Protein backbone atom coordinates (compact mmCIF):
# COMPACT_ATOMS: atom_id res chain seq x y z
CA MET A 1 -0.28 35.94 -0.54
CA ARG A 2 2.71 33.55 -1.04
CA ARG A 3 0.97 30.99 1.21
CA ILE A 4 -2.32 31.22 -0.88
CA VAL A 5 -0.38 30.82 -4.18
CA ALA A 6 1.60 27.97 -2.82
CA GLY A 7 -1.65 26.29 -1.58
CA LEU A 8 -3.32 26.73 -4.96
CA THR A 9 -0.26 25.36 -6.75
CA ALA A 10 -0.21 22.30 -4.52
CA ALA A 11 -3.98 21.69 -4.95
CA MET A 12 -3.56 21.98 -8.68
CA ALA A 13 -0.71 19.44 -8.64
CA VAL A 14 -2.81 16.97 -6.62
CA TRP A 15 -5.74 17.42 -9.04
CA LEU A 16 -3.62 16.90 -12.11
CA THR A 17 -1.82 13.86 -10.81
CA THR A 18 -5.08 12.32 -9.70
CA ALA A 19 -6.60 12.95 -13.09
CA VAL A 20 -3.57 11.24 -14.68
CA ILE A 21 -4.05 8.17 -12.43
CA ALA A 22 -7.65 8.01 -13.26
CA GLY A 23 -6.73 8.02 -17.00
CA GLN A 24 -4.57 4.94 -16.49
CA THR A 25 -7.53 2.77 -15.73
CA ARG A 26 -8.82 0.41 -18.43
CA PRO A 27 -11.98 1.48 -20.33
CA ALA A 28 -15.23 0.04 -19.12
CA THR A 29 -16.40 -3.16 -20.71
CA ALA A 30 -20.04 -3.55 -22.01
CA ALA A 31 -20.93 -5.44 -18.88
CA GLN A 32 -19.53 -2.68 -16.64
CA LYS A 33 -21.45 -0.10 -18.58
CA THR A 34 -24.79 -1.84 -17.84
CA TRP A 35 -23.89 -2.62 -14.19
CA SER A 36 -25.14 -0.11 -11.55
CA ALA A 37 -23.21 0.40 -8.29
CA PRO A 38 -25.27 -0.63 -5.32
CA ARG A 39 -26.24 1.93 -2.70
CA THR A 40 -26.47 1.94 1.10
CA PRO A 41 -29.98 2.40 2.67
CA TRP A 42 -29.06 6.06 3.14
CA GLY A 43 -28.07 6.59 -0.50
CA ASP A 44 -24.23 6.42 -0.58
CA PRO A 45 -22.39 4.22 -3.03
CA ASP A 46 -21.88 0.82 -1.24
CA LEU A 47 -18.20 -0.21 -0.77
CA GLN A 48 -18.80 -2.55 2.17
CA GLY A 49 -17.06 -5.94 2.32
CA ILE A 50 -13.68 -7.54 2.53
CA TRP A 51 -11.41 -6.54 -0.32
CA PRO A 52 -7.97 -8.24 -0.01
CA SER A 53 -5.11 -7.08 -2.28
CA THR A 54 -3.72 -10.58 -2.43
CA ASP A 55 -4.30 -10.94 -6.12
CA MET A 56 -1.69 -8.28 -6.81
CA VAL A 57 1.13 -9.86 -4.77
CA GLY A 58 3.93 -10.45 -7.25
CA VAL A 59 3.18 -7.44 -9.44
CA PRO A 60 6.41 -5.35 -9.39
CA PHE A 61 6.07 -2.09 -7.39
CA GLU A 62 8.11 -0.17 -9.95
CA ARG A 63 8.07 -1.01 -13.65
CA PRO A 64 10.97 -3.19 -14.81
CA ALA A 65 13.23 -1.70 -17.40
CA GLU A 66 12.08 -4.22 -20.11
CA LEU A 67 8.50 -3.11 -19.71
CA ALA A 68 9.22 0.65 -20.13
CA GLY A 69 6.45 2.52 -21.93
CA ARG A 70 3.87 -0.19 -21.31
CA ASN A 71 1.06 -0.41 -18.72
CA GLU A 72 0.47 -4.07 -19.49
CA VAL A 73 2.62 -7.05 -20.20
CA SER A 74 2.39 -8.85 -23.61
CA ASP A 75 0.60 -12.19 -24.09
CA LYS A 76 4.05 -13.90 -23.95
CA GLU A 77 5.04 -12.16 -20.81
CA PHE A 78 1.62 -12.99 -19.23
CA ALA A 79 2.08 -16.70 -20.19
CA GLU A 80 5.55 -16.56 -18.37
CA ARG A 81 3.76 -15.18 -15.31
CA GLU A 82 1.25 -17.95 -15.49
CA ALA A 83 4.00 -20.56 -15.81
CA GLN A 84 5.76 -18.96 -12.76
CA ALA A 85 2.50 -19.20 -10.80
CA ARG A 86 2.22 -22.92 -11.66
CA ARG A 87 5.76 -23.50 -10.37
CA ARG A 88 4.91 -21.75 -7.15
CA VAL A 89 1.87 -23.87 -6.59
CA ALA A 90 3.96 -26.96 -7.11
CA ALA A 91 6.56 -25.69 -4.67
CA ASP A 92 3.82 -24.89 -2.08
CA SER A 93 2.46 -28.47 -2.30
CA GLU A 94 5.90 -30.01 -1.51
CA GLU A 95 5.96 -31.93 1.76
CA PHE A 96 9.69 -31.80 1.98
CA VAL A 97 12.12 -29.34 0.48
CA SER A 98 14.41 -31.48 -1.69
CA THR A 99 16.57 -28.58 -2.99
CA ALA A 100 18.42 -25.65 -1.45
CA PRO A 101 16.09 -23.39 0.65
CA ARG A 102 14.38 -20.60 -1.21
CA THR A 103 15.97 -17.15 -0.91
CA GLY A 104 14.69 -13.66 -1.46
CA ASP A 105 11.52 -13.68 0.55
CA GLY A 106 13.09 -13.13 3.93
CA THR A 107 11.19 -15.85 5.80
CA GLY A 108 12.79 -18.88 4.11
CA PRO A 109 11.12 -22.27 3.73
CA PRO A 110 8.50 -23.72 3.76
CA SER A 111 7.41 -21.98 0.57
CA HIS A 112 3.67 -22.00 1.48
CA TRP A 113 4.27 -19.49 4.25
CA LEU A 114 3.96 -16.63 1.71
CA GLU A 115 1.08 -15.50 -0.51
CA SER A 116 1.70 -15.20 -4.20
CA GLY A 117 -1.33 -13.65 -5.79
CA ARG A 118 -2.70 -14.35 -9.24
CA PRO A 119 -0.89 -13.73 -12.62
CA SER A 120 -1.71 -10.14 -13.66
CA ARG A 121 -1.24 -8.19 -16.87
CA GLN A 122 -0.41 -5.09 -14.89
CA ALA A 123 3.10 -3.99 -15.55
CA SER A 124 3.64 -2.30 -12.16
CA LEU A 125 1.80 -0.91 -9.21
CA VAL A 126 3.22 2.49 -9.85
CA VAL A 127 1.38 4.16 -12.76
CA LEU A 128 2.45 7.74 -12.24
CA PRO A 129 4.89 8.96 -13.63
CA ALA A 130 3.88 7.21 -16.85
CA ASP A 131 7.13 5.20 -17.00
CA GLY A 132 6.05 3.41 -13.80
CA ARG A 133 9.23 4.54 -11.92
CA LEU A 134 9.31 6.70 -8.79
CA PRO A 135 10.52 10.32 -9.35
CA PRO A 136 13.92 11.41 -7.89
CA MET A 137 14.20 11.90 -4.14
CA THR A 138 14.97 15.23 -2.68
CA ALA A 139 18.19 15.69 -0.82
CA GLU A 140 16.23 15.34 2.41
CA GLY A 141 14.68 12.12 1.15
CA GLN A 142 18.02 10.68 0.18
CA GLN A 143 19.47 11.44 3.60
CA ARG A 144 16.52 9.86 5.31
CA ALA A 145 16.84 6.70 3.12
CA ALA A 146 20.49 6.38 3.85
CA SER A 147 19.95 6.61 7.60
CA THR A 148 16.96 4.22 7.77
CA LEU A 149 17.46 1.38 10.23
CA ASN A 150 15.13 -1.55 10.40
CA SER A 151 15.15 -5.32 9.85
CA TYR A 152 14.60 -4.82 6.08
CA VAL A 153 17.97 -3.07 5.98
CA ILE A 154 20.16 -4.72 8.60
CA PHE A 155 19.73 -7.52 11.10
CA THR A 156 22.30 -6.48 13.67
CA GLY A 157 24.08 -3.37 14.84
CA PHE A 158 20.96 -1.84 16.52
CA ARG A 159 21.81 0.46 19.41
CA ASP A 160 18.35 0.14 21.01
CA TYR A 161 14.78 -0.59 20.09
CA GLY A 162 14.32 2.98 18.90
CA ASP A 163 16.54 2.21 15.89
CA MET A 164 13.97 -0.33 14.64
CA GLY A 165 11.11 0.63 12.28
CA PRO A 166 7.45 0.84 13.43
CA TYR A 167 6.68 -2.41 11.73
CA ASP A 168 9.51 -4.18 13.53
CA ARG A 169 8.00 -2.88 16.79
CA CYS A 170 4.46 -3.91 15.83
CA ILE A 171 3.31 -0.24 15.99
CA SER A 172 2.18 0.59 12.45
CA ARG A 173 2.76 0.13 8.69
CA GLY A 174 1.22 3.49 7.84
CA VAL A 175 -1.48 3.94 5.25
CA LEU A 176 0.59 2.99 2.22
CA GLY A 177 2.20 -0.04 3.87
CA SER A 178 -1.11 -1.23 5.12
CA THR A 179 -2.82 -0.95 1.67
CA PHE A 180 -0.13 -2.08 -0.79
CA PRO A 181 0.00 -5.94 -1.41
CA VAL A 182 2.73 -7.64 0.52
CA ILE A 183 3.79 -11.21 1.57
CA TYR A 184 0.63 -12.08 3.70
CA ASN A 185 -2.30 -10.71 5.67
CA ASN A 186 -3.58 -8.46 2.85
CA GLY A 187 -7.21 -8.14 4.04
CA ASN A 188 -9.00 -4.76 3.83
CA GLN A 189 -12.41 -4.48 5.26
CA ILE A 190 -14.73 -1.53 4.59
CA PHE A 191 -17.66 -0.55 6.81
CA GLN A 192 -20.11 2.37 6.23
CA MET A 193 -22.52 4.36 8.25
CA PRO A 194 -24.21 7.68 7.66
CA GLY A 195 -21.49 10.25 7.53
CA TYR A 196 -18.54 7.87 7.96
CA VAL A 197 -16.40 5.24 6.16
CA VAL A 198 -14.40 2.87 8.31
CA ILE A 199 -11.37 0.85 6.83
CA ARG A 200 -9.87 -2.01 8.90
CA TYR A 201 -6.51 -3.47 7.85
CA GLU A 202 -5.69 -7.09 8.67
CA MET A 203 -2.01 -6.71 9.53
CA ILE A 204 -1.58 -4.84 12.81
CA HIS A 205 -5.32 -4.33 12.81
CA GLU A 206 -5.30 -0.60 12.36
CA VAL A 207 -8.60 1.21 11.70
CA ARG A 208 -9.22 4.45 9.84
CA VAL A 209 -12.42 6.30 10.73
CA ILE A 210 -13.09 8.73 7.86
CA PRO A 211 -15.75 11.45 8.31
CA LEU A 212 -17.66 12.62 5.25
CA ASP A 213 -19.22 15.73 6.70
CA GLY A 214 -16.74 18.34 5.38
CA ARG A 215 -15.09 19.06 8.65
CA PRO A 216 -11.55 20.60 8.49
CA HIS A 217 -8.42 18.62 9.22
CA LEU A 218 -7.00 18.57 12.71
CA PRO A 219 -4.40 21.28 13.66
CA ALA A 220 -1.03 20.63 12.17
CA ALA A 221 0.48 19.98 15.60
CA ILE A 222 -1.59 16.82 15.96
CA ARG A 223 0.11 14.07 13.99
CA SER A 224 -0.05 10.27 13.81
CA TYR A 225 1.22 7.19 11.96
CA MET A 226 -2.00 6.90 9.88
CA GLY A 227 -2.59 10.63 9.50
CA ASP A 228 -5.91 12.53 9.58
CA ALA A 229 -8.37 11.41 6.89
CA ARG A 230 -11.30 13.35 5.44
CA GLY A 231 -13.57 11.80 2.75
CA ARG A 232 -16.08 12.94 0.19
CA TRP A 233 -18.04 11.36 -2.70
CA GLU A 234 -17.41 12.28 -6.32
CA GLY A 235 -20.14 10.35 -8.04
CA ASN A 236 -19.55 6.74 -7.15
CA THR A 237 -15.99 7.36 -6.06
CA LEU A 238 -14.93 7.74 -2.46
CA VAL A 239 -12.14 10.31 -2.33
CA VAL A 240 -10.01 10.41 0.84
CA HIS A 241 -7.60 13.19 1.55
CA THR A 242 -5.17 12.39 4.41
CA THR A 243 -2.71 14.80 6.07
CA ASN A 244 -1.06 15.22 9.45
CA PHE A 245 1.43 12.25 9.23
CA ASN A 246 4.21 11.97 11.65
CA GLY A 247 6.85 11.06 9.09
CA LYS A 248 7.76 7.73 10.72
CA THR A 249 6.38 5.28 8.15
CA GLY A 250 7.39 4.21 4.65
CA ALA A 251 5.64 3.43 1.40
CA GLN A 252 7.05 -0.01 0.76
CA ALA A 253 7.97 -3.29 2.42
CA ASN A 254 5.28 -3.19 5.16
CA GLY A 255 5.99 0.57 5.64
CA ASN A 256 9.72 -0.12 6.41
CA LEU A 257 11.27 1.35 3.21
CA LEU A 258 10.81 4.55 1.18
CA MET A 259 10.40 6.47 4.41
CA THR A 260 8.10 9.57 4.10
CA SER A 261 8.20 12.86 5.77
CA GLY A 262 5.74 14.82 7.83
CA ALA A 263 4.81 16.76 4.64
CA LEU A 264 3.09 13.67 3.19
CA GLU A 265 -0.36 14.03 1.71
CA LEU A 266 -2.46 11.26 0.27
CA VAL A 267 -5.42 11.40 -2.07
CA GLU A 268 -6.99 8.00 -2.41
CA ARG A 269 -9.81 7.01 -4.72
CA PHE A 270 -12.05 4.00 -4.16
CA THR A 271 -14.36 3.26 -7.15
CA ARG A 272 -16.71 0.28 -7.33
CA THR A 273 -16.23 -1.09 -10.86
CA GLY A 274 -18.24 -4.32 -10.67
CA PRO A 275 -20.07 -6.57 -8.28
CA ASP A 276 -16.82 -7.80 -6.77
CA THR A 277 -14.21 -5.23 -7.76
CA ILE A 278 -12.98 -1.89 -6.47
CA GLN A 279 -10.42 0.23 -8.34
CA TYR A 280 -8.01 1.59 -5.74
CA GLU A 281 -5.81 4.71 -6.69
CA VAL A 282 -3.59 6.84 -4.63
CA THR A 283 -1.59 9.96 -5.37
CA VAL A 284 1.35 10.49 -3.06
CA THR A 285 2.59 14.08 -2.61
CA ASP A 286 5.53 14.52 -0.31
CA PRO A 287 7.85 17.43 -1.12
CA GLY A 288 10.07 16.45 1.76
CA THR A 289 10.92 13.13 0.08
CA TRP A 290 10.24 13.25 -3.65
CA THR A 291 10.66 15.93 -6.25
CA ARG A 292 7.18 15.52 -7.57
CA PRO A 293 4.00 13.44 -6.88
CA TRP A 294 3.67 9.77 -7.86
CA GLY A 295 0.85 7.33 -7.90
CA VAL A 296 -0.27 3.68 -7.59
CA ALA A 297 -3.36 2.02 -8.89
CA PHE A 298 -4.70 -1.61 -8.77
CA PRO A 299 -7.89 -3.51 -8.37
CA LEU A 300 -9.19 -5.07 -5.18
CA ARG A 301 -11.38 -8.15 -5.40
CA ARG A 302 -14.12 -8.86 -2.87
CA ASP A 303 -13.81 -12.21 -1.12
CA PRO A 304 -16.66 -12.82 1.40
CA ASN A 305 -14.91 -16.06 2.52
CA TYR A 306 -11.66 -14.35 3.36
CA GLY A 307 -10.69 -14.69 7.03
CA MET A 308 -9.30 -11.58 8.77
CA PHE A 309 -6.82 -13.21 11.02
CA GLU A 310 -5.89 -11.89 14.51
CA TYR A 311 -2.54 -10.10 14.24
CA ALA A 312 -0.91 -10.94 17.54
CA CYS A 313 2.35 -9.39 16.64
CA HIS A 314 4.28 -9.58 19.93
CA GLU A 315 3.19 -13.06 21.03
CA GLY A 316 6.09 -15.38 20.49
CA ASN A 317 8.00 -12.72 18.59
CA HIS A 318 11.61 -12.69 19.77
CA ALA A 319 13.00 -10.76 16.79
CA MET A 320 13.62 -7.56 18.74
CA SER A 321 15.29 -9.09 21.76
CA ASN A 322 17.35 -11.43 19.63
CA MET A 323 18.63 -8.65 17.28
CA LEU A 324 19.44 -6.46 20.23
CA SER A 325 21.22 -9.20 22.08
CA ALA A 326 23.02 -10.20 18.89
CA ALA A 327 24.22 -6.56 18.49
CA ARG A 328 25.58 -6.52 22.06
CA ALA A 329 27.35 -9.81 21.46
CA GLU A 330 28.77 -8.48 18.30
CA GLU A 331 30.09 -5.42 20.10
CA ARG A 332 31.85 -7.61 22.75
């Protein structure tokens, strides 16, 4: 009985948080009300195409304190974001760096190495809780965060390759790290066939095959970096429930920070809102890491001309060997 009640409570929490995220979306315009979502030849809503999240690069993950209580920036603040974008374009066009190298992005100059997105009115990617800030971590989550070792935290002192995160080792970024906008390679490609939706991610080229036939999740003993996904249609919205994570990926910084636990569950929603837009929403429930669920929402814009680059992660990548040899030299 306790297990049944706990399951119902968890299901209700997921439903409520998903409903709150859905309520964060902007009301439909007149054009959207008259637009009809296309269908596949077999009758499902058509989400196929390449939908990079590049436009949202630069939108804060959590809401800055000065934007507390607001889902959107003011006209003045948006103008400041536009001015910042113009400065970035000017920096990207420089043939030579005449000032001190840029800092803060991790890769250094030249500045055009990184993608910067478009100015957005969205205050933060996090929309649940309503203040746009992550809920407190559990004691377990705090301990995990304090013990995390990867190249986003330190650059030396690694005992062996196992200390490094899965992104450092070119293994995985996890679902959240693969979907959230980052510094480059933000392509998301969706394929559909009767009974399945397939999502391919540009960075590390992971692919999720999502069945829609109502089959149960895999046994709890079978776990993976990308989890076990099951999908269903709610009207024009694809809802994907993913469980069976291995607790080795994070929710931020290419999956290298905000490390999750094996209790992680995701409910994602993909809604076609216009000819070239999908609203993406995800509710993150992880009682092993956070005290309550949280959620992210942002639009994806279709770009048929976007090139999905090969992600040859290990070729020419000397980071792991260099960091380990540096750690041994430091010990000597």
